[in-house]
Amino acid sequence: MAAGPTYSRAPLAEVAISVQFDAPRRLTQAHLGAYWASQRGRYPIVHSTQGLPAINEEFAGGRSWLPPSLRLALAEEPDTRVQMTSADKAWVQQVQANRLVVNWRRGDDPAGDYPRFTGTLERFLESWQAWNGFLTSVGVAPATPAVWEVVYVNRIPKGDLWKTPADWPRVFPGLWAGPFAGIAGASIAGVQGQWVWETAAPQARLYVEPKPARGPAPAFQDLLFVTLTARGRLPLSPKDPGGETDWEAEFRRGLQWGHDLVVGAFDALASAEAKKAWGRHDD
């Protein structure tokens, strides 16, 4: 794992690692339910919800990309996603016909113990192996990973670092280089948008999206969410000289790059004042 800065009081609320793959042939929604039964000991809480939209992340031949809200998909069956949650509600495994996701969530406890990326990655790879093992056991071809994704969600409450949205450039000057323009008779209430960066080797994209929010009752606390998403495609046929596909090595390499990209970007975007408040130090 690459060395880098860490934060003893990071505003991290959630981490998700996911992979998209072509839906295996003969896979049905009944299989998704049966897979949960095989995972029930670790994830006893379950419910189903609408599937996540397909990722359309292309690199070759141009810079074309589409945000999730503009993607369309057709399917013979409704696109269902099964969400399985651990008893302590800190971990969620989500599976649908073309995607597997593992989430860690801090919850309402600000002192909740994040297991670091290595722990989250190992849990994800365990789920990936369990998913493919299940597919094999029911006579369905194992899934081949196509797109990896690493997501970090940061939650910064109103308080010492910011009092109004006009203070957000003080927290993340890498997103807003200067103060927001003053408009007569109005005060800024929030900012919504997405910043996109690209890397060439390996090819990946980083999306940074700040968004205002309000916490639940009874406090209704004002919040600034900053979500960083790194995403890239796996090679179509990563093979060693013997002709065997080394998917796990390519998988780990992509996910590790995604983590390093997210952590480096967060450190570059945040102000010295914010880093001090969050307990930044070098490993």
C-alpha atoms as a PDB file:
ATOM      1  CA  MET A   1       0.000   0.000   0.000  1.00  0.00           C
ATOM      2  CA  ALA A   2       1.335   3.397  -0.922  1.00  0.00           C
ATOM      3  CA  ALA A   3       2.380   5.633   1.975  1.00  0.00           C
ATOM      4  CA  GLY A   4       0.385   8.789   2.402  1.00  0.00           C
ATOM      5  CA  PRO A   5      -1.301  11.125   4.841  1.00  0.00           C
ATOM      6  CA  THR A   6      -3.778   9.858   7.406  1.00  0.00           C
ATOM      7  CA  TYR A   7      -6.266  11.675   9.611  1.00  0.00           C
ATOM      8  CA  SER A   8      -6.943  10.773  13.231  1.00  0.00           C
ATOM      9  CA  ARG A   9     -10.244  12.696  13.152  1.00  0.00           C
ATOM     10  CA  ALA A  10     -11.196  12.346   9.489  1.00  0.00           C
ATOM     11  CA  PRO A  11     -14.729  13.460   8.552  1.00  0.00           C
ATOM     12  CA  LEU A  12     -15.186  10.132   6.776  1.00  0.00           C
ATOM     13  CA  ALA A  13     -18.777   8.841   6.866  1.00  0.00           C
ATOM     14  CA  GLU A  14     -18.716   5.980   4.353  1.00  0.00           C
ATOM     15  CA  VAL A  15     -16.406   3.979   2.081  1.00  0.00           C
ATOM     16  CA  ALA A  16     -17.630   1.805  -0.791  1.00  0.00           C
ATOM     17  CA  ILE A  17     -15.725  -0.553  -3.073  1.00  0.00           C
ATOM     18  CA  SER A  18     -17.564  -1.969  -6.047  1.00  0.00           C
ATOM     19  CA  VAL A  19     -17.152  -3.799  -9.304  1.00  0.00           C
ATOM     20  CA  GLN A  20     -19.352  -3.915 -12.383  1.00  0.00           C
ATOM     21  CA  PHE A  21     -19.430  -6.975 -14.633  1.00  0.00           C
ATOM     22  CA  ASP A  22     -21.503  -8.379 -17.456  1.00  0.00           C
ATOM     23  CA  ALA A  23     -24.577 -10.071 -15.990  1.00  0.00           C
ATOM     24  CA  PRO A  24     -23.887 -13.826 -16.038  1.00  0.00           C
ATOM     25  CA  ARG A  25     -26.166 -15.831 -18.300  1.00  0.00           C
ATOM     26  CA  ARG A  26     -29.023 -17.694 -16.604  1.00  0.00           C
ATOM     27  CA  LEU A  27     -28.728 -15.501 -13.504  1.00  0.00           C
ATOM     28  CA  THR A  28     -32.149 -14.732 -12.008  1.00  0.00           C
ATOM     29  CA  GLN A  29     -33.475 -12.777  -9.050  1.00  0.00           C
ATOM     30  CA  ALA A  30     -34.057 -16.091  -7.294  1.00  0.00           C
ATOM     31  CA  HIS A  31     -30.284 -16.568  -7.355  1.00  0.00           C
ATOM     32  CA  LEU A  32     -29.824 -13.228  -5.568  1.00  0.00           C
ATOM     33  CA  GLY A  33     -32.082 -14.397  -2.748  1.00  0.00           C
ATOM     34  CA  ALA A  34     -30.284 -17.725  -2.539  1.00  0.00           C
ATOM     35  CA  TYR A  35     -26.949 -15.905  -2.373  1.00  0.00           C
ATOM     36  CA  TRP A  36     -28.145 -13.907   0.623  1.00  0.00           C
ATOM     37  CA  ALA A  37     -29.089 -17.172   2.333  1.00  0.00           C
ATOM     38  CA  SER A  38     -25.448 -18.236   1.946  1.00  0.00           C
ATOM     39  CA  GLN A  39     -24.299 -14.947   3.530  1.00  0.00           C
ATOM     40  CA  ARG A  40     -26.938 -14.733   6.256  1.00  0.00           C
ATOM     41  CA  GLY A  41     -24.568 -15.553   9.110  1.00  0.00           C
ATOM     42  CA  ARG A  42     -22.484 -12.461   8.390  1.00  0.00           C
ATOM     43  CA  TYR A  43     -25.264 -10.219   7.056  1.00  0.00           C
ATOM     44  CA  PRO A  44     -28.504 -11.109   8.888  1.00  0.00           C
ATOM     45  CA  ILE A  45     -30.475  -8.008   7.806  1.00  0.00           C
ATOM     46  CA  VAL A  46     -31.735  -7.915   4.225  1.00  0.00           C
ATOM     47  CA  HIS A  47     -34.011  -5.952   1.944  1.00  0.00           C
ATOM     48  CA  SER A  48     -34.287  -5.317  -1.794  1.00  0.00           C
ATOM     49  CA  THR A  49     -34.292  -2.030  -3.652  1.00  0.00           C
ATOM     50  CA  GLN A  50     -33.916  -0.648  -7.166  1.00  0.00           C
ATOM     51  CA  GLY A  51     -30.714  -1.562  -8.958  1.00  0.00           C
ATOM     52  CA  LEU A  52     -27.857   0.884  -9.418  1.00  0.00           C
ATOM     53  CA  PRO A  53     -27.554   2.319 -12.954  1.00  0.00           C
ATOM     54  CA  ALA A  54     -24.951   0.792 -15.244  1.00  0.00           C
ATOM     55  CA  ILE A  55     -21.601   2.575 -15.363  1.00  0.00           C
ATOM     56  CA  ASN A  56     -20.722   3.886 -18.820  1.00  0.00           C
ATOM     57  CA  GLU A  57     -17.072   4.810 -18.304  1.00  0.00           C
ATOM     58  CA  GLU A  58     -15.173   4.858 -21.614  1.00  0.00           C
ATOM     59  CA  PHE A  59     -11.582   5.978 -22.157  1.00  0.00           C
ATOM     60  CA  ALA A  60     -10.504   4.833 -25.615  1.00  0.00           C
ATOM     61  CA  GLY A  61     -11.115   7.242 -28.468  1.00  0.00           C
ATOM     62  CA  GLY A  62     -12.063  10.330 -26.526  1.00  0.00           C
ATOM     63  CA  ARG A  63     -13.300  11.860 -23.320  1.00  0.00           C
ATOM     64  CA  SER A  64     -16.937  10.850 -23.544  1.00  0.00           C
ATOM     65  CA  TRP A  65     -18.586  10.083 -20.227  1.00  0.00           C
ATOM     66  CA  LEU A  66     -22.120  10.306 -18.889  1.00  0.00           C
ATOM     67  CA  PRO A  67     -23.237  11.041 -15.358  1.00  0.00           C
ATOM     68  CA  PRO A  68     -25.467   8.345 -13.792  1.00  0.00           C
ATOM     69  CA  SER A  69     -28.662  10.399 -14.180  1.00  0.00           C
ATOM     70  CA  LEU A  70     -28.350  10.298 -17.982  1.00  0.00           C
ATOM     71  CA  ARG A  71     -27.886   6.551 -18.406  1.00  0.00           C
ATOM     72  CA  LEU A  72     -30.640   4.291 -19.674  1.00  0.00           C
ATOM     73  CA  ALA A  73     -30.819   0.520 -19.439  1.00  0.00           C
ATOM     74  CA  LEU A  74     -33.203  -2.186 -20.670  1.00  0.00           C
ATOM     75  CA  ALA A  75     -33.655  -5.524 -18.942  1.00  0.00           C
ATOM     76  CA  GLU A  76     -35.961  -8.524 -19.207  1.00  0.00           C
ATOM     77  CA  GLU A  77     -36.499  -8.466 -15.430  1.00  0.00           C
ATOM     78  CA  PRO A  78     -36.759  -5.492 -13.056  1.00  0.00           C
ATOM     79  CA  ASP A  79     -33.262  -4.486 -11.968  1.00  0.00           C
ATOM     80  CA  THR A  80     -33.281  -5.493  -8.296  1.00  0.00           C
ATOM     81  CA  ARG A  81     -30.473  -4.915  -5.814  1.00  0.00           C
ATOM     82  CA  VAL A  82     -30.245  -6.985  -2.630  1.00  0.00           C
ATOM     83  CA  GLN A  83     -28.759  -5.120   0.352  1.00  0.00           C
ATOM     84  CA  MET A  84     -27.384  -7.288   3.141  1.00  0.00           C
ATOM     85  CA  THR A  85     -26.375  -5.588   6.408  1.00  0.00           C
ATOM     86  CA  SER A  86     -24.268  -6.815   9.321  1.00  0.00           C
ATOM     87  CA  ALA A  87     -25.817  -7.006  12.804  1.00  0.00           C
ATOM     88  CA  ASP A  88     -23.890  -3.908  13.945  1.00  0.00           C
ATOM     89  CA  LYS A  89     -24.963  -2.077  10.742  1.00  0.00           C
ATOM     90  CA  ALA A  90     -21.371  -1.075  10.000  1.00  0.00           C
ATOM     91  CA  TRP A  91     -21.069  -3.239   6.871  1.00  0.00           C
ATOM     92  CA  VAL A  92     -23.327  -3.633   3.851  1.00  0.00           C
ATOM     93  CA  GLN A  93     -22.894  -6.041   0.949  1.00  0.00           C
ATOM     94  CA  GLN A  94     -24.991  -5.231  -2.114  1.00  0.00           C
ATOM     95  CA  VAL A  95     -25.439  -7.438  -5.132  1.00  0.00           C
ATOM     96  CA  GLN A  96     -27.397  -7.153  -8.370  1.00  0.00           C
ATOM     97  CA  ALA A  97     -27.193  -8.846 -11.739  1.00  0.00           C
ATOM     98  CA  ASN A  98     -24.184  -6.797 -12.893  1.00  0.00           C
ATOM     99  CA  ARG A  99     -22.634  -5.351  -9.740  1.00  0.00           C
ATOM    100  CA  LEU A 100     -21.216  -6.152  -6.309  1.00  0.00           C
ATOM    101  CA  VAL A 101     -20.645  -3.461  -3.661  1.00  0.00           C
ATOM    102  CA  VAL A 102     -19.243  -3.552  -0.135  1.00  0.00           C
ATOM    103  CA  ASN A 103     -19.814  -0.504   2.086  1.00  0.00           C
ATOM    104  CA  TRP A 104     -18.442   0.497   5.474  1.00  0.00           C
ATOM    105  CA  ARG A 105     -20.557   3.091   7.301  1.00  0.00           C
ATOM    106  CA  ARG A 106     -19.648   5.066  10.388  1.00  0.00           C
ATOM    107  CA  GLY A 107     -23.249   5.617  11.427  1.00  0.00           C
ATOM    108  CA  ASP A 108     -24.177   8.105  14.117  1.00  0.00           C
ATOM    109  CA  ASP A 109     -21.107   7.436  16.267  1.00  0.00           C
ATOM    110  CA  PRO A 110     -18.380   9.968  15.284  1.00  0.00           C
ATOM    111  CA  ALA A 111     -15.831   7.740  17.022  1.00  0.00           C
ATOM    112  CA  GLY A 112     -16.789   4.700  14.965  1.00  0.00           C
ATOM    113  CA  ASP A 113     -13.673   2.710  14.109  1.00  0.00           C
ATOM    114  CA  TYR A 114     -12.859   2.744  10.390  1.00  0.00           C
ATOM    115  CA  PRO A 115     -10.829  -0.398   9.562  1.00  0.00           C
ATOM    116  CA  ARG A 116      -8.673   1.500   7.027  1.00  0.00           C
ATOM    117  CA  PHE A 117      -8.651   0.696   3.336  1.00  0.00           C
ATOM    118  CA  THR A 118      -6.754  -2.580   3.707  1.00  0.00           C
ATOM    119  CA  GLY A 119      -9.515  -3.987   5.916  1.00  0.00           C
ATOM    120  CA  THR A 120     -12.265  -2.760   3.601  1.00  0.00           C
ATOM    121  CA  LEU A 121     -10.476  -4.161   0.549  1.00  0.00           C
ATOM    122  CA  GLU A 122     -10.032  -7.585   2.136  1.00  0.00           C
ATOM    123  CA  ARG A 123     -13.699  -7.708   3.077  1.00  0.00           C
ATOM    124  CA  PHE A 124     -14.645  -6.763  -0.472  1.00  0.00           C
ATOM    125  CA  LEU A 125     -12.397  -9.452  -1.980  1.00  0.00           C
ATOM    126  CA  GLU A 126     -13.901 -12.025   0.408  1.00  0.00           C
ATOM    127  CA  SER A 127     -17.362 -11.046  -0.857  1.00  0.00           C
ATOM    128  CA  TRP A 128     -16.187 -11.207  -4.469  1.00  0.00           C
ATOM    129  CA  GLN A 129     -14.831 -14.718  -3.946  1.00  0.00           C
ATOM    130  CA  ALA A 130     -18.023 -15.763  -2.151  1.00  0.00           C
ATOM    131  CA  TRP A 131     -20.163 -14.401  -5.003  1.00  0.00           C
ATOM    132  CA  ASN A 132     -18.211 -16.250  -7.687  1.00  0.00           C
ATOM    133  CA  GLY A 133     -18.116 -19.398  -5.566  1.00  0.00           C
ATOM    134  CA  PHE A 134     -21.904 -19.238  -5.258  1.00  0.00           C
ATOM    135  CA  LEU A 135     -22.345 -18.731  -9.020  1.00  0.00           C
ATOM    136  CA  THR A 136     -20.206 -21.788  -9.713  1.00  0.00           C
ATOM    137  CA  SER A 137     -22.166 -23.857  -7.189  1.00  0.00           C
ATOM    138  CA  VAL A 138     -25.475 -23.167  -8.978  1.00  0.00           C
ATOM    139  CA  GLY A 139     -24.110 -23.778 -12.465  1.00  0.00           C
ATOM    140  CA  VAL A 140     -23.735 -20.136 -13.507  1.00  0.00           C
ATOM    141  CA  ALA A 141     -20.491 -18.890 -15.053  1.00  0.00           C
ATOM    142  CA  PRO A 142     -18.361 -16.746 -12.681  1.00  0.00           C
ATOM    143  CA  ALA A 143     -18.484 -12.993 -13.198  1.00  0.00           C
ATOM    144  CA  THR A 144     -15.627 -11.246 -15.009  1.00  0.00           C
ATOM    145  CA  PRO A 145     -14.821  -7.797 -13.517  1.00  0.00           C
ATOM    146  CA  ALA A 146     -14.981  -4.888 -15.978  1.00  0.00           C
ATOM    147  CA  VAL A 147     -15.140  -1.596 -14.017  1.00  0.00           C
ATOM    148  CA  TRP A 148     -13.778  -0.919 -10.530  1.00  0.00           C
ATOM    149  CA  GLU A 149     -14.914   1.914  -8.282  1.00  0.00           C
ATOM    150  CA  VAL A 150     -13.771   3.365  -4.941  1.00  0.00           C
ATOM    151  CA  VAL A 151     -15.978   5.920  -3.156  1.00  0.00           C
ATOM    152  CA  TYR A 152     -15.233   7.997  -0.046  1.00  0.00           C
ATOM    153  CA  VAL A 153     -18.024  10.088   1.481  1.00  0.00           C
ATOM    154  CA  ASN A 154     -16.999  12.857   3.888  1.00  0.00           C
ATOM    155  CA  ARG A 155     -19.440  14.609   6.203  1.00  0.00           C
ATOM    156  CA  ILE A 156     -18.429  18.025   7.570  1.00  0.00           C
ATOM    157  CA  PRO A 157     -20.970  19.481  10.022  1.00  0.00           C
ATOM    158  CA  LYS A 158     -21.589  23.180  10.493  1.00  0.00           C
ATOM    159  CA  GLY A 159     -19.423  24.378  13.358  1.00  0.00           C
ATOM    160  CA  ASP A 160     -15.817  25.424  13.871  1.00  0.00           C
ATOM    161  CA  LEU A 161     -14.729  25.071  10.236  1.00  0.00           C
ATOM    162  CA  TRP A 162     -17.739  26.724   8.628  1.00  0.00           C
ATOM    163  CA  LYS A 163     -20.755  28.732   9.709  1.00  0.00           C
ATOM    164  CA  THR A 164     -22.418  29.384   6.337  1.00  0.00           C
ATOM    165  CA  PRO A 165     -21.862  27.988   2.802  1.00  0.00           C
ATOM    166  CA  ALA A 166     -19.888  31.160   2.071  1.00  0.00           C
ATOM    167  CA  ASP A 167     -17.150  29.650   4.311  1.00  0.00           C
ATOM    168  CA  TRP A 168     -16.742  26.486   2.227  1.00  0.00           C
ATOM    169  CA  PRO A 169     -13.809  27.877   0.191  1.00  0.00           C
ATOM    170  CA  ARG A 170     -11.893  28.146   3.486  1.00  0.00           C
ATOM    171  CA  VAL A 171     -12.366  24.397   4.013  1.00  0.00           C
ATOM    172  CA  PHE A 172     -11.693  23.232   0.435  1.00  0.00           C
ATOM    173  CA  PRO A 173      -9.769  25.948  -1.418  1.00  0.00           C
ATOM    174  CA  GLY A 174      -8.798  23.317  -3.990  1.00  0.00           C
ATOM    175  CA  LEU A 175     -12.425  23.351  -5.168  1.00  0.00           C
ATOM    176  CA  TRP A 176     -13.158  27.042  -4.752  1.00  0.00           C
ATOM    177  CA  ALA A 177     -10.073  29.207  -5.199  1.00  0.00           C
ATOM    178  CA  GLY A 178     -11.668  32.326  -3.749  1.00  0.00           C
ATOM    179  CA  PRO A 179     -14.767  33.594  -1.993  1.00  0.00           C
ATOM    180  CA  PHE A 180     -18.117  33.288  -3.706  1.00  0.00           C
ATOM    181  CA  ALA A 181     -19.384  36.392  -5.468  1.00  0.00           C
ATOM    182  CA  GLY A 182     -21.664  38.602  -3.428  1.00  0.00           C
ATOM    183  CA  ILE A 183     -25.112  39.157  -4.929  1.00  0.00           C
ATOM    184  CA  ALA A 184     -27.144  42.098  -3.702  1.00  0.00           C
ATOM    185  CA  GLY A 185     -30.152  41.055  -1.682  1.00  0.00           C
ATOM    186  CA  ALA A 186     -29.180  37.361  -1.560  1.00  0.00           C
ATOM    187  CA  SER A 187     -26.899  35.048   0.400  1.00  0.00           C
ATOM    188  CA  ILE A 188     -25.459  31.812  -0.921  1.00  0.00           C
ATOM    189  CA  ALA A 189     -27.327  28.779   0.405  1.00  0.00           C
ATOM    190  CA  GLY A 190     -25.385  25.925  -1.180  1.00  0.00           C
ATOM    191  CA  VAL A 191     -23.364  24.609  -4.099  1.00  0.00           C
ATOM    192  CA  GLN A 192     -24.080  21.629  -6.327  1.00  0.00           C
ATOM    193  CA  GLY A 193     -21.774  20.428  -9.094  1.00  0.00           C
ATOM    194  CA  GLN A 194     -19.102  17.914  -9.999  1.00  0.00           C
ATOM    195  CA  TRP A 195     -15.380  18.285 -10.656  1.00  0.00           C
ATOM    196  CA  VAL A 196     -13.732  15.656 -12.896  1.00  0.00           C
ATOM    197  CA  TRP A 197     -10.034  14.753 -13.132  1.00  0.00           C
ATOM    198  CA  GLU A 198      -8.405  12.099 -15.340  1.00  0.00           C
ATOM    199  CA  THR A 199      -5.225  10.051 -15.066  1.00  0.00           C
ATOM    200  CA  ALA A 200      -3.428   8.471 -18.020  1.00  0.00           C
ATOM    201  CA  ALA A 201      -1.466   5.589 -16.509  1.00  0.00           C
ATOM    202  CA  PRO A 202      -3.495   3.819 -15.368  1.00  0.00           C
ATOM    203  CA  GLN A 203      -6.534   5.294 -17.029  1.00  0.00           C
ATOM    204  CA  ALA A 204      -9.007   6.420 -14.407  1.00  0.00           C
ATOM    205  CA  ARG A 205     -11.313   9.280 -13.522  1.00  0.00           C
ATOM    206  CA  LEU A 206     -11.837  11.047 -10.246  1.00  0.00           C
ATOM    207  CA  TYR A 207     -15.157  12.736  -9.532  1.00  0.00           C
ATOM    208  CA  VAL A 208     -15.504  15.171  -6.632  1.00  0.00           C
ATOM    209  CA  GLU A 209     -19.002  16.275  -5.682  1.00  0.00           C
ATOM    210  CA  PRO A 210     -19.791  18.657  -2.795  1.00  0.00           C
ATOM    211  CA  LYS A 211     -23.396  18.801  -1.664  1.00  0.00           C
ATOM    212  CA  PRO A 212     -25.251  20.554   1.159  1.00  0.00           C
ATOM    213  CA  ALA A 213     -27.511  18.444   3.356  1.00  0.00           C
ATOM    214  CA  ARG A 214     -29.390  18.524   6.611  1.00  0.00           C
ATOM    215  CA  GLY A 215     -29.160  15.891   9.317  1.00  0.00           C
ATOM    216  CA  PRO A 216     -32.138  14.029  10.782  1.00  0.00           C
ATOM    217  CA  ALA A 217     -34.406  15.125  13.620  1.00  0.00           C
ATOM    218  CA  PRO A 218     -34.225  16.335  16.260  1.00  0.00           C
ATOM    219  CA  ALA A 219     -31.005  18.283  15.577  1.00  0.00           C
ATOM    220  CA  PHE A 220     -31.512  18.977  11.847  1.00  0.00           C
ATOM    221  CA  GLN A 221     -27.801  19.837  11.672  1.00  0.00           C
ATOM    222  CA  ASP A 222     -26.511  21.548   8.531  1.00  0.00           C
ATOM    223  CA  LEU A 223     -23.889  19.413   6.766  1.00  0.00           C
ATOM    224  CA  LEU A 224     -21.480  19.595   3.855  1.00  0.00           C
ATOM    225  CA  PHE A 225     -21.012  16.250   2.116  1.00  0.00           C
ATOM    226  CA  VAL A 226     -17.974  15.859  -0.136  1.00  0.00           C
ATOM    227  CA  THR A 227     -17.950  12.621  -2.138  1.00  0.00           C
ATOM    228  CA  LEU A 228     -14.833  11.468  -4.005  1.00  0.00           C
ATOM    229  CA  THR A 229     -15.284   8.670  -6.551  1.00  0.00           C
ATOM    230  CA  ALA A 230     -12.407   7.016  -8.433  1.00  0.00           C
ATOM    231  CA  ARG A 231     -13.289   4.718 -11.304  1.00  0.00           C
ATOM    232  CA  GLY A 232     -11.472   2.789 -13.999  1.00  0.00           C
ATOM    233  CA  ARG A 233     -11.754  -0.129 -16.399  1.00  0.00           C
ATOM    234  CA  LEU A 234      -9.982  -3.425 -16.089  1.00  0.00           C
ATOM    235  CA  PRO A 235      -8.095  -4.782 -19.124  1.00  0.00           C
ATOM    236  CA  LEU A 236     -10.160  -7.069 -21.320  1.00  0.00           C
ATOM    237  CA  SER A 237      -7.656  -9.923 -21.039  1.00  0.00           C
ATOM    238  CA  PRO A 238      -4.899  -9.470 -18.437  1.00  0.00           C
ATOM    239  CA  LYS A 239      -2.814 -12.585 -19.095  1.00  0.00           C
ATOM    240  CA  ASP A 240       0.560 -13.803 -17.968  1.00  0.00           C
ATOM    241  CA  PRO A 241       2.968 -15.504 -20.433  1.00  0.00           C
ATOM    242  CA  GLY A 242       1.315 -18.839 -19.655  1.00  0.00           C
ATOM    243  CA  GLY A 243      -2.039 -17.575 -20.852  1.00  0.00           C
ATOM    244  CA  GLU A 244      -3.783 -17.573 -17.475  1.00  0.00           C
ATOM    245  CA  THR A 245      -5.911 -14.580 -16.531  1.00  0.00           C
ATOM    246  CA  ASP A 246      -4.666 -12.880 -13.368  1.00  0.00           C
ATOM    247  CA  TRP A 247      -7.836 -10.995 -12.499  1.00  0.00           C
ATOM    248  CA  GLU A 248      -7.111 -10.640  -8.786  1.00  0.00           C
ATOM    249  CA  ALA A 249      -3.773  -8.890  -9.347  1.00  0.00           C
ATOM    250  CA  GLU A 250      -5.339  -6.465 -11.846  1.00  0.00           C
ATOM    251  CA  PHE A 251      -8.304  -5.994  -9.548  1.00  0.00           C
ATOM    252  CA  ARG A 252      -6.138  -5.145  -6.544  1.00  0.00           C
ATOM    253  CA  ARG A 253      -3.972  -2.831  -8.630  1.00  0.00           C
ATOM    254  CA  GLY A 254      -6.964  -0.859  -9.875  1.00  0.00           C
ATOM    255  CA  LEU A 255      -8.637  -0.574  -6.483  1.00  0.00           C
ATOM    256  CA  GLN A 256      -5.373   0.454  -4.828  1.00  0.00           C
ATOM    257  CA  TRP A 257      -4.893   3.152  -7.452  1.00  0.00           C
ATOM    258  CA  GLY A 258      -8.423   4.340  -6.821  1.00  0.00           C
ATOM    259  CA  HIS A 259      -7.752   4.600  -3.096  1.00  0.00           C
ATOM    260  CA  ASP A 260      -4.484   6.488  -3.611  1.00  0.00           C
ATOM    261  CA  LEU A 261      -6.170   8.851  -6.053  1.00  0.00           C
ATOM    262  CA  VAL A 262      -8.997   9.634  -3.616  1.00  0.00           C
ATOM    263  CA  VAL A 263      -6.735  10.115  -0.594  1.00  0.00           C
ATOM    264  CA  GLY A 264      -4.275  12.281  -2.530  1.00  0.00           C
ATOM    265  CA  ALA A 265      -7.062  14.418  -3.943  1.00  0.00           C
ATOM    266  CA  PHE A 266      -8.696  14.968  -0.559  1.00  0.00           C
ATOM    267  CA  ASP A 267      -5.363  16.066   0.887  1.00  0.00           C
ATOM    268  CA  ALA A 268      -4.737  18.426  -2.040  1.00  0.00           C
ATOM    269  CA  LEU A 269      -8.195  19.999  -1.878  1.00  0.00           C
ATOM    270  CA  ALA A 270      -8.412  20.630   1.881  1.00  0.00           C
ATOM    271  CA  SER A 271      -7.071  23.736   3.630  1.00  0.00           C
ATOM    272  CA  ALA A 272      -4.297  23.742   6.237  1.00  0.00           C
ATOM    273  CA  GLU A 273      -6.875  24.781   8.829  1.00  0.00           C
ATOM    274  CA  ALA A 274      -9.112  21.818   7.977  1.00  0.00           C
ATOM    275  CA  LYS A 275      -6.209  19.366   7.966  1.00  0.00           C
ATOM    276  CA  LYS A 276      -5.186  20.516  11.439  1.00  0.00           C
ATOM    277  CA  ALA A 277      -8.753  20.140  12.724  1.00  0.00           C
ATOM    278  CA  TRP A 278      -8.919  16.624  11.272  1.00  0.00           C
ATOM    279  CA  GLY A 279      -5.599  15.511  12.775  1.00  0.00           C
ATOM    280  CA  ARG A 280      -3.560  15.068   9.610  1.00  0.00           C
ATOM    281  CA  HIS A 281      -0.227  13.283   9.851  1.00  0.00           C
ATOM    282  CA  ASP A 282       2.041  11.352   7.494  1.00  0.00           C
ATOM    283  CA  ASP A 283       2.316   7.575   7.798  1.00  0.00           C
END
